[in-house]
Amino acid sequence: MKKRSYTCGLDAAVDVVGGKWKALILWSLHEGPRRFGELRREVPGISEKSLILQLREMEHCGLVHREVYKQVPPKVEYSLTELGQSLNEALIPLGDWGEKHMKTIEAIPAA
């Protein structure tokens, strides 16, 4: 497996949280563990396939913990690891910035 190499901290952070859905999934998990169906409802527009792929990537990076409960029917919950919680804390100011400037950003014509 190839070792990752970054030019700066922002490069590393964007690699881990990059893409359309990861930050929204992280934010959804901020309040506590969620089952797959809950995540799907809380992240509007995400397909089942995309959610599965994003959760796998985030689990691989150590941001998300997947807990499988041995019961019938099977129950699986996703929660943030310490690394995921620390990333969420770092994203809060970015979310605040987005809230503050949302109207301006929405007014920009799509490319």
Protein backbone atom coordinates (compact mmCIF):
# COMPACT_ATOMS: atom_id res chain seq x y z
CA MET A 1 0.00 0.00 0.00
CA LYS A 2 1.35 3.42 -0.98
CA LYS A 3 2.06 5.89 1.81
CA ARG A 4 0.24 9.20 1.54
CA SER A 5 2.29 12.37 1.22
CA TYR A 6 1.01 15.92 1.67
CA THR A 7 2.42 19.39 1.10
CA CYS A 8 0.65 20.95 4.10
CA GLY A 9 -1.99 20.32 6.75
CA LEU A 10 -4.80 21.71 4.61
CA ASP A 11 -3.85 19.28 1.84
CA ALA A 12 -4.17 16.37 4.31
CA ALA A 13 -7.47 17.62 5.77
CA VAL A 14 -9.07 18.16 2.35
CA ASP A 15 -7.99 14.66 1.30
CA VAL A 16 -9.77 13.12 4.28
CA VAL A 17 -12.96 15.18 4.13
CA GLY A 18 -13.05 15.91 0.40
CA GLY A 19 -16.07 15.28 -1.74
CA LYS A 20 -19.66 16.36 -1.57
CA TRP A 21 -20.90 14.09 1.21
CA LYS A 22 -18.25 13.43 3.85
CA ALA A 23 -18.62 16.70 5.76
CA LEU A 24 -22.42 16.26 5.82
CA ILE A 25 -22.09 12.69 7.11
CA LEU A 26 -19.62 13.83 9.77
CA TRP A 27 -22.00 16.59 10.81
CA SER A 28 -24.89 14.15 11.03
CA LEU A 29 -22.83 11.92 13.33
CA HIS A 30 -21.92 14.92 15.52
CA GLU A 31 -24.98 14.39 17.73
CA GLY A 32 -24.25 10.72 18.30
CA PRO A 33 -24.39 7.26 16.71
CA ARG A 34 -26.70 6.77 13.75
CA ARG A 35 -28.01 3.78 11.87
CA PHE A 36 -27.64 3.66 8.09
CA GLY A 37 -31.27 4.63 7.44
CA GLU A 38 -31.01 7.60 9.78
CA LEU A 39 -27.91 8.83 7.97
CA ARG A 40 -29.61 8.45 4.62
CA ARG A 41 -32.54 10.60 5.81
CA GLU A 42 -30.28 13.20 7.43
CA VAL A 43 -28.11 13.66 4.33
CA PRO A 44 -30.65 14.66 1.68
CA GLY A 45 -29.83 13.72 -1.89
CA ILE A 46 -27.24 11.03 -1.14
CA SER A 47 -27.79 7.67 -2.81
CA GLU A 48 -27.52 4.43 -0.87
CA LYS A 49 -24.45 3.46 -2.90
CA SER A 50 -22.70 6.78 -2.26
CA LEU A 51 -23.44 6.60 1.46
CA ILE A 52 -22.01 3.07 1.66
CA LEU A 53 -18.84 4.12 -0.21
CA GLN A 54 -18.35 7.28 1.84
CA LEU A 55 -18.84 5.44 5.15
CA ARG A 56 -16.32 2.77 4.07
CA GLU A 57 -13.74 5.43 3.14
CA MET A 58 -14.31 7.29 6.40
CA GLU A 59 -14.01 4.06 8.38
CA HIS A 60 -10.78 3.24 6.53
CA CYS A 61 -9.37 6.70 7.40
CA GLY A 62 -10.28 6.23 11.06
CA LEU A 63 -12.98 8.92 11.18
CA VAL A 64 -15.97 6.63 11.67
CA HIS A 65 -16.50 3.51 13.77
CA ARG A 66 -18.91 0.82 12.54
CA GLU A 67 -20.52 -1.24 15.30
CA VAL A 68 -22.35 -4.43 14.34
CA TYR A 69 -24.77 -5.76 16.96
CA LYS A 70 -25.38 -9.50 16.80
CA GLN A 71 -29.15 -9.60 16.92
CA VAL A 72 -32.06 -10.42 14.63
CA PRO A 73 -32.58 -8.37 12.56
CA PRO A 74 -28.93 -7.24 12.40
CA LYS A 75 -28.26 -3.75 13.69
CA VAL A 76 -25.34 -1.57 12.56
CA GLU A 77 -24.51 1.83 14.01
CA TYR A 78 -21.98 4.40 12.87
CA SER A 79 -20.29 6.82 15.24
CA LEU A 80 -17.40 9.25 15.21
CA THR A 81 -13.99 8.21 16.45
CA GLU A 82 -11.85 10.70 18.38
CA LEU A 83 -10.22 11.62 15.06
CA GLY A 84 -13.65 12.18 13.49
CA GLN A 85 -14.78 14.30 16.46
CA SER A 86 -11.67 16.46 16.22
CA LEU A 87 -12.26 16.94 12.48
CA ASN A 88 -15.88 17.95 13.16
CA GLU A 89 -14.66 20.52 15.68
CA ALA A 90 -12.33 21.92 13.02
CA LEU A 91 -15.23 22.13 10.53
CA ILE A 92 -17.46 24.21 12.84
CA PRO A 93 -15.83 27.56 11.90
CA LEU A 94 -16.15 26.64 8.21
CA GLY A 95 -19.87 25.94 8.72
CA ASP A 96 -20.25 29.26 10.54
CA TRP A 97 -18.56 31.02 7.62
CA GLY A 98 -20.93 29.27 5.19
CA GLU A 99 -23.98 30.31 7.24
CA LYS A 100 -22.78 33.92 7.32
CA HIS A 101 -22.18 34.06 3.55
CA MET A 102 -24.83 31.62 2.28
CA LYS A 103 -26.96 34.26 0.51
CA THR A 104 -23.92 35.66 -1.31
CA ILE A 105 -22.78 32.18 -2.33
CA GLU A 106 -26.28 31.21 -3.50
CA ALA A 107 -26.38 34.33 -5.70
CA ILE A 108 -23.30 33.24 -7.66
CA PRO A 109 -24.38 31.70 -10.98
CA ALA A 110 -23.47 28.01 -11.34
CA ALA A 111 -20.44 27.39 -13.51
